[in-house]
Amino acid sequence: ELTPIEGETVIDKPLPNSFAHTSLHEFIESTGRTELIVCGFMTHMCISATVRAAKDLGYQSTVVADACATRALPGLESGHLDAKALHEMELVALADFFAYIAKDAAELGA
């Protein structure tokens, strides 16, 4: 169901950081935009890596919390880290310096 429309740019992403080994930075630069809205899977991996790299490249990122998700991970000393807790923990870490966190799409228009 998710197919590009005719003429739409498609950038393949081989690594968690969407800017690594892609033309994404050049493409965004060509638009003149400096503010990004970021969403996707997984919050602790691809979202985090991309938003952190975006900051280094001079972008201002907004992460839409309800449009991101992650999965549970094995803990180092505990049984596992719950997906919801890990998602929230990563969003809090990103909000500390790297991005504005919007709860949902409705907040983007506010």
PDB file of N, CA and C in Angstrom:
ATOM      1  N   GLU A   1       0.813  -1.199   0.000  1.00  0.00           N
ATOM      2  CA  GLU A   1       0.000   0.000   0.000  1.00  0.00           C
ATOM      3  C   GLU A   1       0.852   1.256   0.000  1.00  0.00           C
ATOM      4  N   LEU A   2       2.048   1.162   0.532  1.00  0.00           N
ATOM      5  CA  LEU A   2       2.930   2.320   0.560  1.00  0.00           C
ATOM      6  C   LEU A   2       3.830   2.302  -0.666  1.00  0.00           C
ATOM      7  N   THR A   3       3.341   2.885  -1.716  1.00  0.00           N
ATOM      8  CA  THR A   3       4.136   2.975  -2.929  1.00  0.00           C
ATOM      9  C   THR A   3       4.344   4.442  -3.279  1.00  0.00           C
ATOM     10  N   PRO A   4       5.530   4.764  -3.793  1.00  0.00           N
ATOM     11  CA  PRO A   4       5.786   6.160  -4.149  1.00  0.00           C
ATOM     12  C   PRO A   4       4.882   6.605  -5.293  1.00  0.00           C
ATOM     13  N   ILE A   5       4.489   7.861  -5.235  1.00  0.00           N
ATOM     14  CA  ILE A   5       3.727   8.417  -6.340  1.00  0.00           C
ATOM     15  C   ILE A   5       4.708   8.804  -7.438  1.00  0.00           C
ATOM     16  N   GLU A   6       4.235   8.944  -8.637  1.00  0.00           N
ATOM     17  CA  GLU A   6       5.099   9.268  -9.763  1.00  0.00           C
ATOM     18  C   GLU A   6       5.885  10.554  -9.486  1.00  0.00           C
ATOM     19  N   GLY A   7       7.199  10.460  -9.665  1.00  0.00           N
ATOM     20  CA  GLY A   7       8.063  11.607  -9.456  1.00  0.00           C
ATOM     21  C   GLY A   7       8.549  11.797  -8.029  1.00  0.00           C
ATOM     22  N   GLU A   8       8.034  10.995  -7.095  1.00  0.00           N
ATOM     23  CA  GLU A   8       8.430  11.130  -5.698  1.00  0.00           C
ATOM     24  C   GLU A   8       9.831  10.547  -5.488  1.00  0.00           C
ATOM     25  N   THR A   9      10.653  11.245  -4.710  1.00  0.00           N
ATOM     26  CA  THR A   9      12.009  10.795  -4.420  1.00  0.00           C
ATOM     27  C   THR A   9      11.973   9.648  -3.424  1.00  0.00           C
ATOM     28  N   VAL A  10      12.745   8.604  -3.712  1.00  0.00           N
ATOM     29  CA  VAL A  10      12.887   7.459  -2.810  1.00  0.00           C
ATOM     30  C   VAL A  10      14.366   7.348  -2.463  1.00  0.00           C
ATOM     31  N   ILE A  11      14.663   7.305  -1.167  1.00  0.00           N
ATOM     32  CA  ILE A  11      16.047   7.176  -0.706  1.00  0.00           C
ATOM     33  C   ILE A  11      16.151   5.912   0.129  1.00  0.00           C
ATOM     34  N   ASP A  12      16.949   4.951  -0.339  1.00  0.00           N
ATOM     35  CA  ASP A  12      17.157   3.707   0.409  1.00  0.00           C
ATOM     36  C   ASP A  12      18.091   3.979   1.577  1.00  0.00           C
ATOM     37  N   LYS A  13      17.782   3.381   2.712  1.00  0.00           N
ATOM     38  CA  LYS A  13      18.507   3.616   3.962  1.00  0.00           C
ATOM     39  C   LYS A  13      19.143   2.301   4.424  1.00  0.00           C
ATOM     40  N   PRO A  14      20.488   2.167   4.309  1.00  0.00           N
ATOM     41  CA  PRO A  14      21.118   0.901   4.699  1.00  0.00           C
ATOM     42  C   PRO A  14      21.481   0.792   6.181  1.00  0.00           C
ATOM     43  N   LEU A  15      21.460   1.911   6.911  1.00  0.00           N
ATOM     44  CA  LEU A  15      21.881   1.924   8.313  1.00  0.00           C
ATOM     45  C   LEU A  15      20.841   2.629   9.171  1.00  0.00           C
ATOM     46  N   PRO A  16      20.897   2.488  10.494  1.00  0.00           N
ATOM     47  CA  PRO A  16      19.929   3.160  11.362  1.00  0.00           C
ATOM     48  C   PRO A  16      19.880   4.674  11.183  1.00  0.00           C
ATOM     49  N   ASN A  17      21.029   5.340  11.032  1.00  0.00           N
ATOM     50  CA  ASN A  17      21.082   6.772  10.788  1.00  0.00           C
ATOM     51  C   ASN A  17      20.694   7.024   9.334  1.00  0.00           C
ATOM     52  N   SER A  18      19.584   7.667   9.113  1.00  0.00           N
ATOM     53  CA  SER A  18      19.072   7.881   7.752  1.00  0.00           C
ATOM     54  C   SER A  18      19.983   8.729   6.873  1.00  0.00           C
ATOM     55  N   PHE A  19      20.930   9.429   7.478  1.00  0.00           N
ATOM     56  CA  PHE A  19      21.866  10.249   6.711  1.00  0.00           C
ATOM     57  C   PHE A  19      23.110   9.479   6.280  1.00  0.00           C
ATOM     58  N   ALA A  20      23.411   8.353   6.946  1.00  0.00           N
ATOM     59  CA  ALA A  20      24.630   7.594   6.674  1.00  0.00           C
ATOM     60  C   ALA A  20      24.525   6.832   5.357  1.00  0.00           C
ATOM     61  N   HIS A  21      25.447   7.095   4.469  1.00  0.00           N
ATOM     62  CA  HIS A  21      25.530   6.411   3.167  1.00  0.00           C
ATOM     63  C   HIS A  21      24.265   6.590   2.328  1.00  0.00           C
ATOM     64  N   THR A  22      23.631   7.761   2.459  1.00  0.00           N
ATOM     65  CA  THR A  22      22.458   8.085   1.638  1.00  0.00           C
ATOM     66  C   THR A  22      22.609   9.497   1.091  1.00  0.00           C
ATOM     67  N   SER A  23      21.692   9.881   0.245  1.00  0.00           N
ATOM     68  CA  SER A  23      21.671  11.242  -0.301  1.00  0.00           C
ATOM     69  C   SER A  23      20.640  12.109   0.418  1.00  0.00           C
ATOM     70  N   LEU A  24      20.195  11.671   1.611  1.00  0.00           N
ATOM     71  CA  LEU A  24      19.135  12.395   2.309  1.00  0.00           C
ATOM     72  C   LEU A  24      19.530  13.836   2.633  1.00  0.00           C
ATOM     73  N   HIS A  25      20.730  14.037   3.161  1.00  0.00           N
ATOM     74  CA  HIS A  25      21.160  15.398   3.518  1.00  0.00           C
ATOM     75  C   HIS A  25      21.162  16.302   2.286  1.00  0.00           C
ATOM     76  N   GLU A  26      21.704  15.829   1.193  1.00  0.00           N
ATOM     77  CA  GLU A  26      21.747  16.619  -0.037  1.00  0.00           C
ATOM     78  C   GLU A  26      20.338  16.918  -0.542  1.00  0.00           C
ATOM     79  N   PHE A  27      19.463  15.919  -0.455  1.00  0.00           N
ATOM     80  CA  PHE A  27      18.094  16.131  -0.897  1.00  0.00           C
ATOM     81  C   PHE A  27      17.397  17.202  -0.055  1.00  0.00           C
ATOM     82  N   ILE A  28      17.519  17.101   1.270  1.00  0.00           N
ATOM     83  CA  ILE A  28      16.880  18.093   2.140  1.00  0.00           C
ATOM     84  C   ILE A  28      17.491  19.468   1.905  1.00  0.00           C
ATOM     85  N   GLU A  29      18.815  19.523   1.777  1.00  0.00           N
ATOM     86  CA  GLU A  29      19.468  20.807   1.492  1.00  0.00           C
ATOM     87  C   GLU A  29      18.908  21.453   0.231  1.00  0.00           C
ATOM     88  N   SER A  30      18.613  20.651  -0.775  1.00  0.00           N
ATOM     89  CA  SER A  30      18.104  21.187  -2.041  1.00  0.00           C
ATOM     90  C   SER A  30      16.723  21.821  -1.888  1.00  0.00           C
ATOM     91  N   THR A  31      16.018  21.476  -0.819  1.00  0.00           N
ATOM     92  CA  THR A  31      14.694  22.060  -0.582  1.00  0.00           C
ATOM     93  C   THR A  31      14.781  23.359   0.213  1.00  0.00           C
ATOM     94  N   GLY A  32      15.932  23.587   0.854  1.00  0.00           N
ATOM     95  CA  GLY A  32      16.092  24.767   1.686  1.00  0.00           C
ATOM     96  C   GLY A  32      15.485  24.634   3.069  1.00  0.00           C
ATOM     97  N   ARG A  33      14.976  23.475   3.381  1.00  0.00           N
ATOM     98  CA  ARG A  33      14.354  23.273   4.693  1.00  0.00           C
ATOM     99  C   ARG A  33      15.400  22.948   5.751  1.00  0.00           C
ATOM    100  N   THR A  34      15.118  23.367   6.981  1.00  0.00           N
ATOM    101  CA  THR A  34      16.023  23.066   8.097  1.00  0.00           C
ATOM    102  C   THR A  34      15.287  22.420   9.265  1.00  0.00           C
ATOM    103  N   GLU A  35      13.975  22.279   9.158  1.00  0.00           N
ATOM    104  CA  GLU A  35      13.176  21.670  10.216  1.00  0.00           C
ATOM    105  C   GLU A  35      12.621  20.343   9.723  1.00  0.00           C
ATOM    106  N   LEU A  36      12.813  19.302  10.528  1.00  0.00           N
ATOM    107  CA  LEU A  36      12.378  17.963  10.161  1.00  0.00           C
ATOM    108  C   LEU A  36      11.308  17.453  11.110  1.00  0.00           C
ATOM    109  N   ILE A  37      10.379  16.682  10.584  1.00  0.00           N
ATOM    110  CA  ILE A  37       9.426  15.924  11.395  1.00  0.00           C
ATOM    111  C   ILE A  37       9.817  14.468  11.210  1.00  0.00           C
ATOM    112  N   VAL A  38      10.091  13.796  12.329  1.00  0.00           N
ATOM    113  CA  VAL A  38      10.628  12.446  12.282  1.00  0.00           C
ATOM    114  C   VAL A  38       9.674  11.480  12.971  1.00  0.00           C
ATOM    115  N   CYS A  39       9.455  10.334  12.332  1.00  0.00           N
ATOM    116  CA  CYS A  39       8.647   9.269  12.927  1.00  0.00           C
ATOM    117  C   CYS A  39       9.115   7.951  12.342  1.00  0.00           C
ATOM    118  N   GLY A  40       8.737   6.863  12.966  1.00  0.00           N
ATOM    119  CA  GLY A  40       9.100   5.561  12.423  1.00  0.00           C
ATOM    120  C   GLY A  40       9.389   4.532  13.495  1.00  0.00           C
ATOM    121  N   PHE A  41      10.144   3.519  13.097  1.00  0.00           N
ATOM    122  CA  PHE A  41      10.462   2.377  13.941  1.00  0.00           C
ATOM    123  C   PHE A  41      11.960   2.127  13.806  1.00  0.00           C
ATOM    124  N   MET A  42      12.683   1.991  14.763  1.00  0.00           N
ATOM    125  CA  MET A  42      12.511   1.846  16.180  1.00  0.00           C
ATOM    126  C   MET A  42      13.046   3.102  16.870  1.00  0.00           C
ATOM    127  N   THR A  43      12.326   3.548  17.891  1.00  0.00           N
ATOM    128  CA  THR A  43      12.669   4.784  18.580  1.00  0.00           C
ATOM    129  C   THR A  43      14.099   4.760  19.102  1.00  0.00           C
ATOM    130  N   HIS A  44      14.489   3.658  19.735  1.00  0.00           N
ATOM    131  CA  HIS A  44      15.815   3.596  20.365  1.00  0.00           C
ATOM    132  C   HIS A  44      16.944   3.427  19.355  1.00  0.00           C
ATOM    133  N   MET A  45      16.627   3.126  18.114  1.00  0.00           N
ATOM    134  CA  MET A  45      17.672   2.851  17.130  1.00  0.00           C
ATOM    135  C   MET A  45      17.630   3.860  15.989  1.00  0.00           C
ATOM    136  N   CYS A  46      16.758   3.670  15.015  1.00  0.00           N
ATOM    137  CA  CYS A  46      16.740   4.510  13.811  1.00  0.00           C
ATOM    138  C   CYS A  46      16.319   5.946  14.102  1.00  0.00           C
ATOM    139  N   ILE A  47      15.296   6.118  14.909  1.00  0.00           N
ATOM    140  CA  ILE A  47      14.849   7.477  15.242  1.00  0.00           C
ATOM    141  C   ILE A  47      15.963   8.205  15.983  1.00  0.00           C
ATOM    142  N   SER A  48      16.510   7.583  16.992  1.00  0.00           N
ATOM    143  CA  SER A  48      17.569   8.208  17.788  1.00  0.00           C
ATOM    144  C   SER A  48      18.789   8.536  16.936  1.00  0.00           C
ATOM    145  N   ALA A  49      19.270   7.582  16.159  1.00  0.00           N
ATOM    146  CA  ALA A  49      20.465   7.803  15.339  1.00  0.00           C
ATOM    147  C   ALA A  49      20.243   8.918  14.326  1.00  0.00           C
ATOM    148  N   THR A  50      19.080   8.939  13.706  1.00  0.00           N
ATOM    149  CA  THR A  50      18.780   9.956  12.692  1.00  0.00           C
ATOM    150  C   THR A  50      18.656  11.338  13.305  1.00  0.00           C
ATOM    151  N   VAL A  51      17.942  11.456  14.419  1.00  0.00           N
ATOM    152  CA  VAL A  51      17.742  12.759  15.053  1.00  0.00           C
ATOM    153  C   VAL A  51      19.062  13.312  15.583  1.00  0.00           C
ATOM    154  N   ARG A  52      19.889  12.462  16.139  1.00  0.00           N
ATOM    155  CA  ARG A  52      21.186  12.908  16.647  1.00  0.00           C
ATOM    156  C   ARG A  52      22.073  13.383  15.499  1.00  0.00           C
ATOM    157  N   ALA A  53      22.077  12.662  14.395  1.00  0.00           N
ATOM    158  CA  ALA A  53      22.857  13.081  13.227  1.00  0.00           C
ATOM    159  C   ALA A  53      22.284  14.367  12.628  1.00  0.00           C
ATOM    160  N   ALA A  54      20.973  14.487  12.620  1.00  0.00           N
ATOM    161  CA  ALA A  54      20.331  15.692  12.088  1.00  0.00           C
ATOM    162  C   ALA A  54      20.786  16.925  12.862  1.00  0.00           C
ATOM    163  N   LYS A  55      20.905  16.799  14.169  1.00  0.00           N
ATOM    164  CA  LYS A  55      21.384  17.910  15.000  1.00  0.00           C
ATOM    165  C   LYS A  55      22.794  18.314  14.580  1.00  0.00           C
ATOM    166  N   ASP A  56      23.659  17.328  14.357  1.00  0.00           N
ATOM    167  CA  ASP A  56      25.025  17.608  13.921  1.00  0.00           C
ATOM    168  C   ASP A  56      25.058  18.314  12.570  1.00  0.00           C
ATOM    169  N   LEU A  57      24.065  18.052  11.736  1.00  0.00           N
ATOM    170  CA  LEU A  57      24.001  18.652  10.401  1.00  0.00           C
ATOM    171  C   LEU A  57      23.266  19.994  10.391  1.00  0.00           C
ATOM    172  N   GLY A  58      22.797  20.442  11.566  1.00  0.00           N
ATOM    173  CA  GLY A  58      22.168  21.752  11.661  1.00  0.00           C
ATOM    174  C   GLY A  58      20.662  21.766  11.524  1.00  0.00           C
ATOM    175  N   TYR A  59      20.024  20.595  11.553  1.00  0.00           N
ATOM    176  CA  TYR A  59      18.566  20.537  11.458  1.00  0.00           C
ATOM    177  C   TYR A  59      17.920  20.647  12.837  1.00  0.00           C
ATOM    178  N   GLN A  60      16.704  21.155  12.858  1.00  0.00           N
ATOM    179  CA  GLN A  60      15.863  21.144  14.051  1.00  0.00           C
ATOM    180  C   GLN A  60      14.831  20.047  13.840  1.00  0.00           C
ATOM    181  N   SER A  61      14.819  19.079  14.722  1.00  0.00           N
ATOM    182  CA  SER A  61      13.922  17.930  14.565  1.00  0.00           C
ATOM    183  C   SER A  61      12.772  17.973  15.554  1.00  0.00           C
ATOM    184  N   THR A  62      11.623  17.533  15.074  1.00  0.00           N
ATOM    185  CA  THR A  62      10.470  17.255  15.917  1.00  0.00           C
ATOM    186  C   THR A  62      10.152  15.782  15.743  1.00  0.00           C
ATOM    187  N   VAL A  63      10.106  15.052  16.846  1.00  0.00           N
ATOM    188  CA  VAL A  63       9.748  13.638  16.811  1.00  0.00           C
ATOM    189  C   VAL A  63       8.303  13.520  17.268  1.00  0.00           C
ATOM    190  N   VAL A  64       7.487  12.822  16.487  1.00  0.00           N
ATOM    191  CA  VAL A  64       6.087  12.607  16.849  1.00  0.00           C
ATOM    192  C   VAL A  64       6.004  11.285  17.614  1.00  0.00           C
ATOM    193  N   ALA A  65       5.829  11.394  18.924  1.00  0.00           N
ATOM    194  CA  ALA A  65       5.908  10.231  19.819  1.00  0.00           C
ATOM    195  C   ALA A  65       4.937   9.124  19.442  1.00  0.00           C
ATOM    196  N   ASP A  66       3.685   9.488  19.152  1.00  0.00           N
ATOM    197  CA  ASP A  66       2.681   8.459  18.840  1.00  0.00           C
ATOM    198  C   ASP A  66       2.853   7.861  17.448  1.00  0.00           C
ATOM    199  N   ALA A  67       3.776   8.406  16.660  1.00  0.00           N
ATOM    200  CA  ALA A  67       4.052   7.874  15.323  1.00  0.00           C
ATOM    201  C   ALA A  67       5.379   7.113  15.301  1.00  0.00           C
ATOM    202  N   CYS A  68       5.890   6.782  16.492  1.00  0.00           N
ATOM    203  CA  CYS A  68       7.116   6.005  16.641  1.00  0.00           C
ATOM    204  C   CYS A  68       6.831   4.832  17.568  1.00  0.00           C
ATOM    205  N   ALA A  69       7.659   3.837  17.478  1.00  0.00           N
ATOM    206  CA  ALA A  69       7.531   2.674  18.359  1.00  0.00           C
ATOM    207  C   ALA A  69       8.873   1.981  18.444  1.00  0.00           C
ATOM    208  N   THR A  70       8.980   1.092  19.400  1.00  0.00           N
ATOM    209  CA  THR A  70      10.173   0.268  19.519  1.00  0.00           C
ATOM    210  C   THR A  70       9.760  -1.108  20.035  1.00  0.00           C
ATOM    211  N   ARG A  71      10.714  -1.941  20.352  1.00  0.00           N
ATOM    212  CA  ARG A  71      10.431  -3.285  20.847  1.00  0.00           C
ATOM    213  C   ARG A  71      11.152  -3.490  22.165  1.00  0.00           C
ATOM    214  N   ALA A  72      10.744  -4.483  22.907  1.00  0.00           N
ATOM    215  CA  ALA A  72      11.424  -4.826  24.158  1.00  0.00           C
ATOM    216  C   ALA A  72      12.824  -5.338  23.839  1.00  0.00           C
ATOM    217  N   LEU A  73      13.740  -5.083  24.767  1.00  0.00           N
ATOM    218  CA  LEU A  73      15.118  -5.542  24.597  1.00  0.00           C
ATOM    219  C   LEU A  73      15.566  -6.305  25.841  1.00  0.00           C
ATOM    220  N   PRO A  74      16.511  -7.214  25.684  1.00  0.00           N
ATOM    221  CA  PRO A  74      17.061  -7.896  26.861  1.00  0.00           C
ATOM    222  C   PRO A  74      17.772  -6.875  27.752  1.00  0.00           C
ATOM    223  N   GLY A  75      17.601  -7.006  29.049  1.00  0.00           N
ATOM    224  CA  GLY A  75      18.279  -6.118  29.987  1.00  0.00           C
ATOM    225  C   GLY A  75      19.676  -6.618  30.303  1.00  0.00           C
ATOM    226  N   LEU A  76      20.506  -5.738  30.824  1.00  0.00           N
ATOM    227  CA  LEU A  76      21.847  -6.151  31.227  1.00  0.00           C
ATOM    228  C   LEU A  76      21.809  -6.876  32.558  1.00  0.00           C
ATOM    229  N   GLU A  77      21.036  -6.335  33.493  1.00  0.00           N
ATOM    230  CA  GLU A  77      20.953  -6.951  34.815  1.00  0.00           C
ATOM    231  C   GLU A  77      19.548  -7.435  35.144  1.00  0.00           C
ATOM    232  N   SER A  78      18.564  -6.971  34.358  1.00  0.00           N
ATOM    233  CA  SER A  78      17.182  -7.398  34.579  1.00  0.00           C
ATOM    234  C   SER A  78      16.768  -8.320  33.435  1.00  0.00           C
ATOM    235  N   GLY A  79      15.585  -8.882  33.531  1.00  0.00           N
ATOM    236  CA  GLY A  79      15.103  -9.791  32.502  1.00  0.00           C
ATOM    237  C   GLY A  79      14.986  -9.142  31.133  1.00  0.00           C
ATOM    238  N   HIS A  80      14.307  -8.004  31.086  1.00  0.00           N
ATOM    239  CA  HIS A  80      14.171  -7.299  29.810  1.00  0.00           C
ATOM    240  C   HIS A  80      13.721  -5.863  30.061  1.00  0.00           C
ATOM    241  N   LEU A  81      13.892  -5.038  29.051  1.00  0.00           N
ATOM    242  CA  LEU A  81      13.403  -3.660  29.103  1.00  0.00           C
ATOM    243  C   LEU A  81      12.124  -3.593  28.291  1.00  0.00           C
ATOM    244  N   ASP A  82      11.055  -3.176  28.917  1.00  0.00           N
ATOM    245  CA  ASP A  82       9.748  -3.064  28.299  1.00  0.00           C
ATOM    246  C   ASP A  82       9.780  -2.073  27.137  1.00  0.00           C
ATOM    247  N   ALA A  83       9.103  -2.381  26.044  1.00  0.00           N
ATOM    248  CA  ALA A  83       9.097  -1.521  24.856  1.00  0.00           C
ATOM    249  C   ALA A  83       8.554  -0.125  25.146  1.00  0.00           C
ATOM    250  N   LYS A  84       7.480  -0.038  25.902  1.00  0.00           N
ATOM    251  CA  LYS A  84       6.896   1.267  26.214  1.00  0.00           C
ATOM    252  C   LYS A  84       7.862   2.121  27.029  1.00  0.00           C
ATOM    253  N   ALA A  85       8.498   1.508  28.017  1.00  0.00           N
ATOM    254  CA  ALA A  85       9.451   2.240  28.854  1.00  0.00           C
ATOM    255  C   ALA A  85      10.674   2.664  28.042  1.00  0.00           C
ATOM    256  N   LEU A  86      11.175   1.779  27.190  1.00  0.00           N
ATOM    257  CA  LEU A  86      12.327   2.091  26.351  1.00  0.00           C
ATOM    258  C   LEU A  86      11.999   3.227  25.381  1.00  0.00           C
ATOM    259  N   HIS A  87      10.802   3.190  24.799  1.00  0.00           N
ATOM    260  CA  HIS A  87      10.324   4.246  23.896  1.00  0.00           C
ATOM    261  C   HIS A  87      10.317   5.589  24.622  1.00  0.00           C
ATOM    262  N   GLU A  88       9.716   5.615  25.802  1.00  0.00           N
ATOM    263  CA  GLU A  88       9.639   6.865  26.570  1.00  0.00           C
ATOM    264  C   GLU A  88      11.025   7.341  26.998  1.00  0.00           C
ATOM    265  N   MET A  89      11.854   6.418  27.420  1.00  0.00           N
ATOM    266  CA  MET A  89      13.206   6.767  27.861  1.00  0.00           C
ATOM    267  C   MET A  89      13.997   7.413  26.720  1.00  0.00           C
ATOM    268  N   GLU A  90      13.892   6.863  25.539  1.00  0.00           N
ATOM    269  CA  GLU A  90      14.621   7.430  24.395  1.00  0.00           C
ATOM    270  C   GLU A  90      14.069   8.794  24.011  1.00  0.00           C
ATOM    271  N   LEU A  91      12.752   8.967  24.051  1.00  0.00           N
ATOM    272  CA  LEU A  91      12.166  10.269  23.745  1.00  0.00           C
ATOM    273  C   LEU A  91      12.611  11.322  24.745  1.00  0.00           C
ATOM    274  N   VAL A  92      12.672  10.953  26.013  1.00  0.00           N
ATOM    275  CA  VAL A  92      13.134  11.885  27.047  1.00  0.00           C
ATOM    276  C   VAL A  92      14.592  12.263  26.789  1.00  0.00           C
ATOM    277  N   ALA A  93      15.419  11.295  26.423  1.00  0.00           N
ATOM    278  CA  ALA A  93      16.825  11.575  26.129  1.00  0.00           C
ATOM    279  C   ALA A  93      16.947  12.505  24.921  1.00  0.00           C
ATOM    280  N   LEU A  94      16.167  12.281  23.886  1.00  0.00           N
ATOM    281  CA  LEU A  94      16.218  13.152  22.710  1.00  0.00           C
ATOM    282  C   LEU A  94      15.732  14.557  23.037  1.00  0.00           C
ATOM    283  N   ALA A  95      14.720  14.650  23.886  1.00  0.00           N
ATOM    284  CA  ALA A  95      14.165  15.957  24.258  1.00  0.00           C
ATOM    285  C   ALA A  95      15.153  16.785  25.062  1.00  0.00           C
ATOM    286  N   ASP A  96      16.116  16.153  25.679  1.00  0.00           N
ATOM    287  CA  ASP A  96      17.082  16.864  26.507  1.00  0.00           C
ATOM    288  C   ASP A  96      17.944  17.823  25.691  1.00  0.00           C
ATOM    289  N   PHE A  97      18.180  17.521  24.399  1.00  0.00           N
ATOM    290  CA  PHE A  97      19.027  18.386  23.584  1.00  0.00           C
ATOM    291  C   PHE A  97      18.764  18.291  22.085  1.00  0.00           C
ATOM    292  N   PHE A  98      18.334  17.138  21.609  1.00  0.00           N
ATOM    293  CA  PHE A  98      18.339  16.875  20.181  1.00  0.00           C
ATOM    294  C   PHE A  98      17.055  17.193  19.437  1.00  0.00           C
ATOM    295  N   ALA A  99      15.916  17.202  20.110  1.00  0.00           N
ATOM    296  CA  ALA A  99      14.652  17.347  19.379  1.00  0.00           C
ATOM    297  C   ALA A  99      13.541  17.843  20.285  1.00  0.00           C
ATOM    298  N   TYR A 100      12.531  18.410  19.642  1.00  0.00           N
ATOM    299  CA  TYR A 100      11.263  18.679  20.314  1.00  0.00           C
ATOM    300  C   TYR A 100      10.431  17.417  20.159  1.00  0.00           C
ATOM    301  N   ILE A 101       9.738  17.021  21.201  1.00  0.00           N
ATOM    302  CA  ILE A 101       8.892  15.833  21.130  1.00  0.00           C
ATOM    303  C   ILE A 101       7.437  16.272  21.142  1.00  0.00           C
ATOM    304  N   ALA A 102       6.723  15.965  20.055  1.00  0.00           N
ATOM    305  CA  ALA A 102       5.282  16.216  19.968  1.00  0.00           C
ATOM    306  C   ALA A 102       4.577  14.905  20.279  1.00  0.00           C
ATOM    307  N   LYS A 103       3.518  14.971  21.065  1.00  0.00           N
ATOM    308  CA  LYS A 103       2.790  13.742  21.414  1.00  0.00           C
ATOM    309  C   LYS A 103       2.187  13.086  20.182  1.00  0.00           C
ATOM    310  N   ASP A 104       1.547  13.881  19.329  1.00  0.00           N
ATOM    311  CA  ASP A 104       0.858  13.314  18.176  1.00  0.00           C
ATOM    312  C   ASP A 104       0.796  14.345  17.052  1.00  0.00           C
ATOM    313  N   ALA A 105       0.185  13.978  15.934  1.00  0.00           N
ATOM    314  CA  ALA A 105       0.118  14.870  14.773  1.00  0.00           C
ATOM    315  C   ALA A 105      -0.696  16.123  15.093  1.00  0.00           C
ATOM    316  N   ALA A 106      -1.692  16.018  15.952  1.00  0.00           N
ATOM    317  CA  ALA A 106      -2.507  17.181  16.313  1.00  0.00           C
ATOM    318  C   ALA A 106      -1.648  18.264  16.962  1.00  0.00           C
ATOM    319  N   GLU A 107      -0.651  17.853  17.731  1.00  0.00           N
ATOM    320  CA  GLU A 107       0.232  18.814  18.390  1.00  0.00           C
ATOM    321  C   GLU A 107       1.102  19.580  17.390  1.00  0.00           C
ATOM    322  N   LEU A 108       1.347  19.003  16.227  1.00  0.00           N
ATOM    323  CA  LEU A 108       2.162  19.680  15.220  1.00  0.00           C
ATOM    324  C   LEU A 108       1.492  20.959  14.736  1.00  0.00           C
ATOM    325  N   GLY A 109       0.173  20.933  14.646  1.00  0.00           N
ATOM    326  CA  GLY A 109      -0.557  22.102  14.173  1.00  0.00           C
ATOM    327  C   GLY A 109      -0.788  23.158  15.232  1.00  0.00           C
ATOM    328  N   ALA A 110      -0.537  22.809  16.489  1.00  0.00           N
ATOM    329  CA  ALA A 110      -0.787  23.741  17.611  1.00  0.00           C
ATOM    330  C   ALA A 110       0.288  24.792  17.713  1.00  0.00           C
TER     331      ALA A 110
END
